[in-house]
PDB file of all heavy atoms in Angstrom:
ATOM      1  N   ALA A   1     111.916 119.552  29.373  1.00  0.00           N
ATOM      2  CA  ALA A   1     111.491 120.882  29.807  1.00  0.00           C
ATOM      3  C   ALA A   1     112.690 121.821  29.814  1.00  0.00           C
ATOM      4  O   ALA A   1     113.839 121.381  29.902  1.00  0.00           O
ATOM      5  CB  ALA A   1     110.854 120.824  31.190  1.00  0.00           C
ATOM      6  N   PHE A   2     112.400 123.098  29.740  1.00  0.00           N
ATOM      7  CA  PHE A   2     113.442 124.127  29.780  1.00  0.00           C
ATOM      8  C   PHE A   2     112.913 125.323  30.550  1.00  0.00           C
ATOM      9  O   PHE A   2     111.740 125.696  30.438  1.00  0.00           O
ATOM     10  CB  PHE A   2     113.841 124.578  28.377  1.00  0.00           C
ATOM     11  CG  PHE A   2     114.798 125.753  28.367  1.00  0.00           C
ATOM     12  CD1 PHE A   2     116.168 125.550  28.477  1.00  0.00           C
ATOM     13  CD2 PHE A   2     114.316 127.054  28.277  1.00  0.00           C
ATOM     14  CE1 PHE A   2     117.043 126.640  28.479  1.00  0.00           C
ATOM     15  CE2 PHE A   2     115.188 128.143  28.280  1.00  0.00           C
ATOM     16  CZ  PHE A   2     116.553 127.928  28.388  1.00  0.00           C
ATOM     17  N   GLU A   3     113.802 125.954  31.333  1.00  0.00           N
ATOM     18  CA  GLU A   3     113.475 127.192  32.027  1.00  0.00           C
ATOM     19  C   GLU A   3     114.727 128.038  32.120  1.00  0.00           C
ATOM     20  O   GLU A   3     115.776 127.558  32.566  1.00  0.00           O
ATOM     21  CB  GLU A   3     112.934 126.902  33.425  1.00  0.00           C
ATOM     22  CG  GLU A   3     112.519 128.144  34.197  1.00  0.00           C
ATOM     23  CD  GLU A   3     111.936 127.788  35.551  1.00  0.00           C
ATOM     24  OE1 GLU A   3     112.645 127.106  36.333  1.00  0.00           O
ATOM     25  OE2 GLU A   3     110.788 128.163  35.821  1.00  0.00           O
ATOM     26  N   GLY A   4     114.639 129.298  31.680  1.00  0.00           N
ATOM     27  CA  GLY A   4     115.822 130.139  31.738  1.00  0.00           C
ATOM     28  C   GLY A   4     115.541 131.570  31.335  1.00  0.00           C
ATOM     29  O   GLY A   4     114.389 131.989  31.180  1.00  0.00           O
ATOM     30  N   GLU A   5     116.625 132.331  31.162  1.00  0.00           N
ATOM     31  CA  GLU A   5     116.536 133.728  30.769  1.00  0.00           C
ATOM     32  C   GLU A   5     117.589 134.019  29.710  1.00  0.00           C
ATOM     33  O   GLU A   5     118.650 133.378  29.670  1.00  0.00           O
ATOM     34  CB  GLU A   5     116.776 134.651  31.973  1.00  0.00           C
ATOM     35  CG  GLU A   5     115.718 134.539  33.064  1.00  0.00           C
ATOM     36  CD  GLU A   5     115.992 135.469  34.221  1.00  0.00           C
ATOM     37  OE1 GLU A   5     117.168 135.872  34.395  1.00  0.00           O
ATOM     38  OE2 GLU A   5     115.047 135.804  34.945  1.00  0.00           O
ATOM     39  N   VAL A   6     117.286 134.988  28.841  1.00  0.00           N
ATOM     40  CA  VAL A   6     118.232 135.388  27.807  1.00  0.00           C
ATOM     41  C   VAL A   6     118.385 136.903  27.807  1.00  0.00           C
ATOM     42  O   VAL A   6     117.489 137.639  28.229  1.00  0.00           O
ATOM     43  CB  VAL A   6     117.792 134.907  26.407  1.00  0.00           C
ATOM     44  CG1 VAL A   6     117.714 133.395  26.355  1.00  0.00           C
ATOM     45  CG2 VAL A   6     116.457 135.528  26.008  1.00  0.00           C
ATOM     46  N   THR A   7     119.546 137.346  27.322  1.00  0.00           N
ATOM     47  CA  THR A   7     119.858 138.770  27.202  1.00  0.00           C
ATOM     48  C   THR A   7     120.445 139.013  25.825  1.00  0.00           C
ATOM     49  O   THR A   7     121.233 138.205  25.333  1.00  0.00           O
ATOM     50  CB  THR A   7     120.866 139.205  28.285  1.00  0.00           C
ATOM     51  OG1 THR A   7     120.270 139.053  29.570  1.00  0.00           O
ATOM     52  CG2 THR A   7     121.295 140.654  28.108  1.00  0.00           C
ATOM     53  N   GLY A   8     120.072 140.096  25.204  1.00  0.00           N
ATOM     54  CA  GLY A   8     120.614 140.399  23.886  1.00  0.00           C
ATOM     55  C   GLY A   8     120.070 141.699  23.344  1.00  0.00           C
ATOM     56  O   GLY A   8     119.610 142.561  24.095  1.00  0.00           O
ATOM     57  N   ARG A   9     120.127 141.831  22.013  1.00  0.00           N
ATOM     58  CA  ARG A   9     119.612 143.027  21.359  1.00  0.00           C
ATOM     59  C   ARG A   9     118.364 142.647  20.569  1.00  0.00           C
ATOM     60  O   ARG A   9     118.404 141.757  19.720  1.00  0.00           O
ATOM     61  CB  ARG A   9     120.676 143.623  20.436  1.00  0.00           C
ATOM     62  CG  ARG A   9     120.307 145.002  19.884  1.00  0.00           C
ATOM     63  CD  ARG A   9     121.528 145.684  19.290  1.00  0.00           C
ATOM     64  NE  ARG A   9     122.121 144.900  18.220  1.00  0.00           N
ATOM     65  CZ  ARG A   9     123.423 144.910  17.920  1.00  0.00           C
ATOM     66  NH1 ARG A   9     124.249 145.624  18.650  1.00  0.00           N
ATOM     67  NH2 ARG A   9     123.881 144.194  16.914  1.00  0.00           N
ATOM     68  N   VAL A  10     117.258 143.318  20.876  1.00  0.00           N
ATOM     69  CA  VAL A  10     115.973 143.037  20.250  1.00  0.00           C
ATOM     70  C   VAL A  10     115.450 144.309  19.604  1.00  0.00           C
ATOM     71  O   VAL A  10     115.294 145.330  20.275  1.00  0.00           O
ATOM     72  CB  VAL A  10     114.952 142.508  21.287  1.00  0.00           C
ATOM     73  CG1 VAL A  10     113.618 142.219  20.620  1.00  0.00           C
ATOM     74  CG2 VAL A  10     115.487 141.256  21.969  1.00  0.00           C
ATOM     75  N   MET A  11     115.190 144.250  18.298  1.00  0.00           N
ATOM     76  CA  MET A  11     114.715 145.415  17.559  1.00  0.00           C
ATOM     77  C   MET A  11     115.639 146.614  17.776  1.00  0.00           C
ATOM     78  O   MET A  11     115.207 147.760  17.874  1.00  0.00           O
ATOM     79  CB  MET A  11     113.281 145.764  17.972  1.00  0.00           C
ATOM     80  CG  MET A  11     112.258 144.688  17.645  1.00  0.00           C
ATOM     81  SD  MET A  11     110.573 145.139  18.088  1.00  0.00           S
ATOM     82  CE  MET A  11     110.265 146.461  16.916  1.00  0.00           C
ATOM     83  N   GLY A  12     116.956 146.310  17.852  1.00  0.00           N
ATOM     84  CA  GLY A  12     117.947 147.357  18.007  1.00  0.00           C
ATOM     85  C   GLY A  12     118.092 147.887  19.410  1.00  0.00           C
ATOM     86  O   GLY A  12     118.887 148.792  19.661  1.00  0.00           O
ATOM     87  N   VAL A  13     117.334 147.323  20.350  1.00  0.00           N
ATOM     88  CA  VAL A  13     117.373 147.784  21.735  1.00  0.00           C
ATOM     89  C   VAL A  13     117.867 146.653  22.627  1.00  0.00           C
ATOM     90  O   VAL A  13     117.448 145.500  22.478  1.00  0.00           O
ATOM     91  CB  VAL A  13     115.967 148.228  22.195  1.00  0.00           C
ATOM     92  CG1 VAL A  13     115.995 148.656  23.656  1.00  0.00           C
ATOM     93  CG2 VAL A  13     115.457 149.353  21.311  1.00  0.00           C
ATOM     94  N   ASN A  14     118.768 146.976  23.546  1.00  0.00           N
ATOM     95  CA  ASN A  14     119.253 145.970  24.472  1.00  0.00           C
ATOM     96  C   ASN A  14     118.126 145.510  25.395  1.00  0.00           C
ATOM     97  O   ASN A  14     117.399 146.331  25.948  1.00  0.00           O
ATOM     98  CB  ASN A  14     120.410 146.522  25.310  1.00  0.00           C
ATOM     99  CG  ASN A  14     121.668 146.705  24.495  1.00  0.00           C
ATOM    100  OD1 ASN A  14     121.860 146.032  23.486  1.00  0.00           O
ATOM    101  ND2 ASN A  14     122.532 147.607  24.923  1.00  0.00           N
ATOM    102  N   ALA A  15     117.993 144.182  25.531  1.00  0.00           N
ATOM    103  CA  ALA A  15     116.972 143.607  26.406  1.00  0.00           C
ATOM    104  C   ALA A  15     117.641 142.571  27.286  1.00  0.00           C
ATOM    105  O   ALA A  15     118.513 141.825  26.836  1.00  0.00           O
ATOM    106  CB  ALA A  15     115.854 142.968  25.580  1.00  0.00           C
ATOM    107  N   SER A  16     117.239 142.504  28.551  1.00  0.00           N
ATOM    108  CA  SER A  16     117.879 141.579  29.477  1.00  0.00           C
ATOM    109  C   SER A  16     116.844 140.809  30.279  1.00  0.00           C
ATOM    110  O   SER A  16     115.700 141.245  30.442  1.00  0.00           O
ATOM    111  CB  SER A  16     118.808 142.334  30.442  1.00  0.00           C
ATOM    112  OG  SER A  16     118.085 143.269  31.208  1.00  0.00           O
ATOM    113  N   ASP A  17     117.276 139.636  30.756  1.00  0.00           N
ATOM    114  CA  ASP A  17     116.467 138.800  31.649  1.00  0.00           C
ATOM    115  C   ASP A  17     115.091 138.485  31.064  1.00  0.00           C
ATOM    116  O   ASP A  17     114.069 138.597  31.734  1.00  0.00           O
ATOM    117  CB  ASP A  17     116.306 139.477  33.005  1.00  0.00           C
ATOM    118  CG  ASP A  17     117.646 139.748  33.671  1.00  0.00           C
ATOM    119  OD1 ASP A  17     118.589 138.965  33.447  1.00  0.00           O
ATOM    120  OD2 ASP A  17     117.756 140.749  34.406  1.00  0.00           O
ATOM    121  N   ILE A  18     115.067 138.085  29.794  1.00  0.00           N
ATOM    122  CA  ILE A  18     113.818 137.689  29.148  1.00  0.00           C
ATOM    123  C   ILE A  18     113.568 136.221  29.448  1.00  0.00           C
ATOM    124  O   ILE A  18     114.358 135.354  29.090  1.00  0.00           O
ATOM    125  CB  ILE A  18     113.879 137.929  27.631  1.00  0.00           C
ATOM    126  CG1 ILE A  18     114.094 139.421  27.345  1.00  0.00           C
ATOM    127  CG2 ILE A  18     112.608 137.433  26.948  1.00  0.00           C
ATOM    128  CD1 ILE A  18     114.307 139.744  25.891  1.00  0.00           C
ATOM    129  N   GLY A  19     112.455 135.921  30.103  1.00  0.00           N
ATOM    130  CA  GLY A  19     112.178 134.565  30.516  1.00  0.00           C
ATOM    131  C   GLY A  19     111.715 133.679  29.367  1.00  0.00           C
ATOM    132  O   GLY A  19     110.988 134.122  28.470  1.00  0.00           O
ATOM    133  N   VAL A  20     112.168 132.423  29.386  1.00  0.00           N
ATOM    134  CA  VAL A  20     111.749 131.419  28.414  1.00  0.00           C
ATOM    135  C   VAL A  20     111.469 130.125  29.169  1.00  0.00           C
ATOM    136  O   VAL A  20     112.284 129.680  29.979  1.00  0.00           O
ATOM    137  CB  VAL A  20     112.828 131.166  27.342  1.00  0.00           C
ATOM    138  CG1 VAL A  20     112.373 130.067  26.375  1.00  0.00           C
ATOM    139  CG2 VAL A  20     113.151 132.437  26.578  1.00  0.00           C
ATOM    140  N   VAL A  21     110.300 129.534  28.923  1.00  0.00           N
ATOM    141  CA  VAL A  21     109.923 128.268  29.549  1.00  0.00           C
ATOM    142  C   VAL A  21     109.327 127.367  28.479  1.00  0.00           C
ATOM    143  O   VAL A  21     108.554 127.821  27.631  1.00  0.00           O
ATOM    144  CB  VAL A  21     108.885 128.477  30.683  1.00  0.00           C
ATOM    145  CG1 VAL A  21     108.382 127.131  31.197  1.00  0.00           C
ATOM    146  CG2 VAL A  21     109.486 129.291  31.811  1.00  0.00           C
ATOM    147  N   SER A  22     109.686 126.088  28.522  1.00  0.00           N
ATOM    148  CA  SER A  22     109.095 125.107  27.604  1.00  0.00           C
ATOM    149  C   SER A  22     108.703 123.867  28.400  1.00  0.00           C
ATOM    150  O   SER A  22     109.539 123.261  29.063  1.00  0.00           O
ATOM    151  CB  SER A  22     110.083 124.725  26.506  1.00  0.00           C
ATOM    152  OG  SER A  22     109.541 123.693  25.699  1.00  0.00           O
ATOM    153  N   VAL A  23     107.430 123.521  28.343  1.00  0.00           N
ATOM    154  CA  VAL A  23     106.926 122.308  28.982  1.00  0.00           C
ATOM    155  C   VAL A  23     105.800 121.724  28.137  1.00  0.00           C
ATOM    156  O   VAL A  23     105.045 122.456  27.495  1.00  0.00           O
ATOM    157  CB  VAL A  23     106.396 122.586  30.412  1.00  0.00           C
ATOM    158  CG1 VAL A  23     107.516 122.962  31.355  1.00  0.00           C
ATOM    159  CG2 VAL A  23     105.328 123.664  30.401  1.00  0.00           C
ATOM    160  N   ASP A  24     105.719 120.390  28.099  1.00  0.00           N
ATOM    161  CA  ASP A  24     104.637 119.693  27.418  1.00  0.00           C
ATOM    162  C   ASP A  24     104.465 120.134  25.972  1.00  0.00           C
ATOM    163  O   ASP A  24     103.349 120.204  25.451  1.00  0.00           O
ATOM    164  CB  ASP A  24     103.313 119.881  28.167  1.00  0.00           C
ATOM    165  CG  ASP A  24     103.359 119.297  29.574  1.00  0.00           C
ATOM    166  OD1 ASP A  24     104.055 118.282  29.764  1.00  0.00           O
ATOM    167  OD2 ASP A  24     102.720 119.873  30.473  1.00  0.00           O
ATOM    168  N   GLY A  25     105.573 120.463  25.311  1.00  0.00           N
ATOM    169  CA  GLY A  25     105.502 120.847  23.909  1.00  0.00           C
ATOM    170  C   GLY A  25     105.111 122.288  23.663  1.00  0.00           C
ATOM    171  O   GLY A  25     105.038 122.725  22.508  1.00  0.00           O
ATOM    172  N   ASP A  26     104.852 123.065  24.710  1.00  0.00           N
ATOM    173  CA  ASP A  26     104.509 124.482  24.581  1.00  0.00           C
ATOM    174  C   ASP A  26     105.696 125.334  25.008  1.00  0.00           C
ATOM    175  O   ASP A  26     106.308 125.079  26.057  1.00  0.00           O
ATOM    176  CB  ASP A  26     103.299 124.841  25.444  1.00  0.00           C
ATOM    177  CG  ASP A  26     102.018 124.187  24.956  1.00  0.00           C
ATOM    178  OD1 ASP A  26     101.844 124.081  23.727  1.00  0.00           O
ATOM    179  OD2 ASP A  26     101.209 123.771  25.812  1.00  0.00           O
ATOM    180  N   VAL A  27     106.011 126.357  24.202  1.00  0.00           N
ATOM    181  CA  VAL A  27     107.125 127.253  24.498  1.00  0.00           C
ATOM    182  C   VAL A  27     106.556 128.633  24.834  1.00  0.00           C
ATOM    183  O   VAL A  27     105.760 129.194  24.079  1.00  0.00           O
ATOM    184  CB  VAL A  27     108.101 127.349  23.316  1.00  0.00           C
ATOM    185  CG1 VAL A  27     109.254 128.291  23.649  1.00  0.00           C
ATOM    186  CG2 VAL A  27     108.631 125.967  22.956  1.00  0.00           C
ATOM    187  N   PHE A  28     106.988 129.177  25.970  1.00  0.00           N
ATOM    188  CA  PHE A  28     106.498 130.467  26.449  1.00  0.00           C
ATOM    189  C   PHE A  28     107.663 131.457  26.495  1.00  0.00           C
ATOM    190  O   PHE A  28     108.754 131.125  26.974  1.00  0.00           O
ATOM    191  CB  PHE A  28     105.909 130.335  27.855  1.00  0.00           C
ATOM    192  CG  PHE A  28     104.810 129.312  27.970  1.00  0.00           C
ATOM    193  CD1 PHE A  28     105.115 127.971  28.193  1.00  0.00           C
ATOM    194  CD2 PHE A  28     103.475 129.682  27.851  1.00  0.00           C
ATOM    195  CE1 PHE A  28     104.110 127.024  28.315  1.00  0.00           C
ATOM    196  CE2 PHE A  28     102.464 128.738  27.966  1.00  0.00           C
ATOM    197  CZ  PHE A  28     102.775 127.409  28.185  1.00  0.00           C
ATOM    198  N   VAL A  29     107.423 132.677  26.013  1.00  0.00           N
ATOM    199  CA  VAL A  29     108.404 133.750  26.055  1.00  0.00           C
ATOM    200  C   VAL A  29     107.795 134.926  26.806  1.00  0.00           C
ATOM    201  O   VAL A  29     106.658 135.328  26.535  1.00  0.00           O
ATOM    202  CB  VAL A  29     108.822 134.197  24.642  1.00  0.00           C
ATOM    203  CG1 VAL A  29     109.748 135.404  24.714  1.00  0.00           C
ATOM    204  CG2 VAL A  29     109.490 133.057  23.891  1.00  0.00           C
ATOM    205  N   GLU A  30     108.541 135.472  27.758  1.00  0.00           N
ATOM    206  CA  GLU A  30     108.053 136.596  28.547  1.00  0.00           C
ATOM    207  C   GLU A  30     108.332 137.893  27.798  1.00  0.00           C
ATOM    208  O   GLU A  30     109.389 138.503  27.942  1.00  0.00           O
ATOM    209  CB  GLU A  30     108.717 136.617  29.932  1.00  0.00           C
ATOM    210  CG  GLU A  30     108.074 137.596  30.893  1.00  0.00           C
ATOM    211  CD  GLU A  30     108.663 137.499  32.280  1.00  0.00           C
ATOM    212  OE1 GLU A  30     109.775 136.953  32.423  1.00  0.00           O
ATOM    213  OE2 GLU A  30     108.005 137.966  33.234  1.00  0.00           O
ATOM    214  N   VAL A  31     107.385 138.301  26.990  1.00  0.00           N
ATOM    215  CA  VAL A  31     107.538 139.488  26.151  1.00  0.00           C
ATOM    216  C   VAL A  31     107.303 140.740  26.984  1.00  0.00           C
ATOM    217  O   VAL A  31     106.297 140.824  27.712  1.00  0.00           O
ATOM    218  CB  VAL A  31     106.533 139.450  24.982  1.00  0.00           C
ATOM    219  CG1 VAL A  31     106.703 140.687  24.098  1.00  0.00           C
ATOM    220  CG2 VAL A  31     106.721 138.174  24.173  1.00  0.00           C
ATOM    221  N   PRO A  32     108.221 141.724  26.923  1.00  0.00           N
ATOM    222  CA  PRO A  32     108.019 142.955  27.681  1.00  0.00           C
ATOM    223  C   PRO A  32     106.642 143.570  27.396  1.00  0.00           C
ATOM    224  O   PRO A  32     106.173 143.577  26.266  1.00  0.00           O
ATOM    225  CB  PRO A  32     109.148 143.862  27.166  1.00  0.00           C
ATOM    226  CG  PRO A  32     110.223 142.904  26.755  1.00  0.00           C
ATOM    227  CD  PRO A  32     109.496 141.724  26.190  1.00  0.00           C
ATOM    228  N   VAL A  33     105.998 144.044  28.425  1.00  0.00           N
ATOM    229  CA  VAL A  33     104.678 144.681  28.394  1.00  0.00           C
ATOM    230  C   VAL A  33     103.561 143.646  28.247  1.00  0.00           C
ATOM    231  O   VAL A  33     102.582 143.652  28.985  1.00  0.00           O
ATOM    232  CB  VAL A  33     104.565 145.726  27.264  1.00  0.00           C
ATOM    233  CG1 VAL A  33     103.161 146.348  27.295  1.00  0.00           C
ATOM    234  CG2 VAL A  33     105.628 146.803  27.404  1.00  0.00           C
ATOM    235  N   LEU A  34     103.708 142.707  27.288  1.00  0.00           N
ATOM    236  CA  LEU A  34     102.643 141.742  27.027  1.00  0.00           C
ATOM    237  C   LEU A  34     102.631 140.583  28.006  1.00  0.00           C
ATOM    238  O   LEU A  34     101.612 139.907  28.156  1.00  0.00           O
ATOM    239  CB  LEU A  34     102.767 141.202  25.598  1.00  0.00           C
ATOM    240  CG  LEU A  34     102.573 142.213  24.468  1.00  0.00           C
ATOM    241  CD1 LEU A  34     102.708 141.517  23.131  1.00  0.00           C
ATOM    242  CD2 LEU A  34     101.222 142.906  24.597  1.00  0.00           C
ATOM    243  N   GLY A  35     103.761 140.309  28.654  1.00  0.00           N
ATOM    244  CA  GLY A  35     103.832 139.164  29.550  1.00  0.00           C
ATOM    245  C   GLY A  35     104.107 137.871  28.797  1.00  0.00           C
ATOM    246  O   GLY A  35     104.635 137.878  27.683  1.00  0.00           O
ATOM    247  N   TRP A  36     103.739 136.750  29.395  1.00  0.00           N
ATOM    248  CA  TRP A  36     104.048 135.449  28.807  1.00  0.00           C
ATOM    249  C   TRP A  36     103.190 135.194  27.570  1.00  0.00           C
ATOM    250  O   TRP A  36     101.964 135.321  27.612  1.00  0.00           O
ATOM    251  CB  TRP A  36     103.824 134.333  29.820  1.00  0.00           C
ATOM    252  CG  TRP A  36     104.837 134.325  30.921  1.00  0.00           C
ATOM    253  CD1 TRP A  36     104.678 134.819  32.174  1.00  0.00           C
ATOM    254  CD2 TRP A  36     106.160 133.802  30.858  1.00  0.00           C
ATOM    255  NE1 TRP A  36     105.826 134.645  32.906  1.00  0.00           N
ATOM    256  CE2 TRP A  36     106.756 134.021  32.126  1.00  0.00           C
ATOM    257  CE3 TRP A  36     106.907 133.177  29.852  1.00  0.00           C
ATOM    258  CZ2 TRP A  36     108.059 133.633  32.418  1.00  0.00           C
ATOM    259  CZ3 TRP A  36     108.207 132.787  30.138  1.00  0.00           C
ATOM    260  CH2 TRP A  36     108.771 133.018  31.407  1.00  0.00           C
ATOM    261  N   GLN A  37     103.878 134.815  26.474  1.00  0.00           N
ATOM    262  CA  GLN A  37     103.213 134.507  25.217  1.00  0.00           C
ATOM    263  C   GLN A  37     103.723 133.157  24.714  1.00  0.00           C
ATOM    264  O   GLN A  37     104.891 132.810  24.914  1.00  0.00           O
ATOM    265  CB  GLN A  37     103.522 135.573  24.157  1.00  0.00           C
ATOM    266  CG  GLN A  37     103.186 136.995  24.584  1.00  0.00           C
ATOM    267  CD  GLN A  37     101.697 137.246  24.654  1.00  0.00           C
ATOM    268  OE1 GLN A  37     100.958 136.927  23.731  1.00  0.00           O
ATOM    269  NE2 GLN A  37     101.242 137.830  25.763  1.00  0.00           N
ATOM    270  N   THR A  38     102.852 132.385  24.056  1.00  0.00           N
ATOM    271  CA  THR A  38     103.280 131.122  23.459  1.00  0.00           C
ATOM    272  C   THR A  38     103.665 131.349  22.013  1.00  0.00           C
ATOM    273  O   THR A  38     103.174 132.292  21.365  1.00  0.00           O
ATOM    274  CB  THR A  38     102.164 130.070  23.524  1.00  0.00           C
ATOM    275  OG1 THR A  38     101.023 130.549  22.810  1.00  0.00           O
ATOM    276  CG2 THR A  38     101.784 129.765  24.960  1.00  0.00           C
ATOM    277  N   TYR A  39     104.561 130.489  21.488  1.00  0.00           N
ATOM    278  CA  TYR A  39     104.921 130.576  20.074  1.00  0.00           C
ATOM    279  C   TYR A  39     105.309 129.207  19.564  1.00  0.00           C
ATOM    280  O   TYR A  39     105.678 128.314  20.327  1.00  0.00           O
ATOM    281  CB  TYR A  39     106.031 131.603  19.843  1.00  0.00           C
ATOM    282  CG  TYR A  39     107.426 131.131  20.203  1.00  0.00           C
ATOM    283  CD1 TYR A  39     108.271 130.569  19.252  1.00  0.00           C
ATOM    284  CD2 TYR A  39     107.902 131.275  21.508  1.00  0.00           C
ATOM    285  CE1 TYR A  39     109.540 130.147  19.591  1.00  0.00           C
ATOM    286  CE2 TYR A  39     109.176 130.852  21.849  1.00  0.00           C
ATOM    287  CZ  TYR A  39     109.992 130.294  20.873  1.00  0.00           C
ATOM    288  OH  TYR A  39     111.250 129.878  21.217  1.00  0.00           O
ATOM    289  N   ASP A  40     105.233 129.058  18.257  1.00  0.00           N
ATOM    290  CA  ASP A  40     105.629 127.832  17.592  1.00  0.00           C
ATOM    291  C   ASP A  40     107.059 128.014  17.098  1.00  0.00           C
ATOM    292  O   ASP A  40     107.301 128.804  16.172  1.00  0.00           O
ATOM    293  CB  ASP A  40     104.701 127.551  16.411  1.00  0.00           C
ATOM    294  CG  ASP A  40     105.071 126.272  15.667  1.00  0.00           C
ATOM    295  OD1 ASP A  40     106.083 125.632  16.030  1.00  0.00           O
ATOM    296  OD2 ASP A  40     104.360 125.930  14.711  1.00  0.00           O
ATOM    297  N   PRO A  41     108.049 127.319  17.675  1.00  0.00           N
ATOM    298  CA  PRO A  41     109.450 127.524  17.293  1.00  0.00           C
ATOM    299  C   PRO A  41     109.709 127.291  15.815  1.00  0.00           C
ATOM    300  O   PRO A  41     110.587 127.930  15.227  1.00  0.00           O
ATOM    301  CB  PRO A  41     110.210 126.508  18.157  1.00  0.00           C
ATOM    302  CG  PRO A  41     109.302 126.197  19.273  1.00  0.00           C
ATOM    303  CD  PRO A  41     107.911 126.307  18.726  1.00  0.00           C
ATOM    304  N   THR A  42     108.957 126.383  15.180  1.00  0.00           N
ATOM    305  CA  THR A  42     109.229 126.081  13.770  1.00  0.00           C
ATOM    306  C   THR A  42     108.965 127.283  12.873  1.00  0.00           C
ATOM    307  O   THR A  42     109.488 127.360  11.761  1.00  0.00           O
ATOM    308  CB  THR A  42     108.370 124.897  13.306  1.00  0.00           C
ATOM    309  OG1 THR A  42     106.975 125.233  13.421  1.00  0.00           O
ATOM    310  CG2 THR A  42     108.665 123.655  14.146  1.00  0.00           C
ATOM    311  N   GLU A  43     108.160 128.226  13.352  1.00  0.00           N
ATOM    312  CA  GLU A  43     107.897 129.420  12.555  1.00  0.00           C
ATOM    313  C   GLU A  43     109.088 130.369  12.532  1.00  0.00           C
ATOM    314  O   GLU A  43     109.149 131.271  11.695  1.00  0.00           O
ATOM    315  CB  GLU A  43     106.676 130.162  13.115  1.00  0.00           C
ATOM    316  CG  GLU A  43     105.369 129.378  12.991  1.00  0.00           C
ATOM    317  CD  GLU A  43     104.199 130.171  13.526  1.00  0.00           C
ATOM    318  OE1 GLU A  43     104.413 131.345  13.906  1.00  0.00           O
ATOM    319  OE2 GLU A  43     103.081 129.629  13.560  1.00  0.00           O
ATOM    320  N   PHE A  44     110.034 130.157  13.454  1.00  0.00           N
ATOM    321  CA  PHE A  44     111.152 131.076  13.577  1.00  0.00           C
ATOM    322  C   PHE A  44     112.493 130.362  13.411  1.00  0.00           C
ATOM    323  O   PHE A  44     113.521 130.821  13.894  1.00  0.00           O
ATOM    324  CB  PHE A  44     111.093 131.775  14.940  1.00  0.00           C
ATOM    325  CG  PHE A  44     109.756 132.380  15.220  1.00  0.00           C
ATOM    326  CD1 PHE A  44     108.911 131.810  16.154  1.00  0.00           C
ATOM    327  CD2 PHE A  44     109.342 133.506  14.537  1.00  0.00           C
ATOM    328  CE1 PHE A  44     107.670 132.370  16.417  1.00  0.00           C
ATOM    329  CE2 PHE A  44     108.107 134.069  14.794  1.00  0.00           C
ATOM    330  CZ  PHE A  44     107.263 133.496  15.732  1.00  0.00           C
ATOM    331  N   CYS A  45     112.480 129.216  12.709  1.00  0.00           N
ATOM    332  CA  CYS A  45     113.718 128.469  12.458  1.00  0.00           C
ATOM    333  C   CYS A  45     114.440 128.115  13.750  1.00  0.00           C
ATOM    334  O   CYS A  45     115.669 128.193  13.828  1.00  0.00           O
ATOM    335  CB  CYS A  45     114.648 129.252  11.538  1.00  0.00           C
ATOM    336  SG  CYS A  45     113.984 129.509   9.894  1.00  0.00           S
TER     337      CYS A  45
END
């Protein structure tokens, strides 16, 4: 499992404290406005 936050530049805009959680093979990213979204890591290298 993994739980944490990342900060960086997204779409040319600085973004901070973006939540990331991974449990039971599912990866969740806390996307601004949309909230928690799942994604398949293999699609993004």
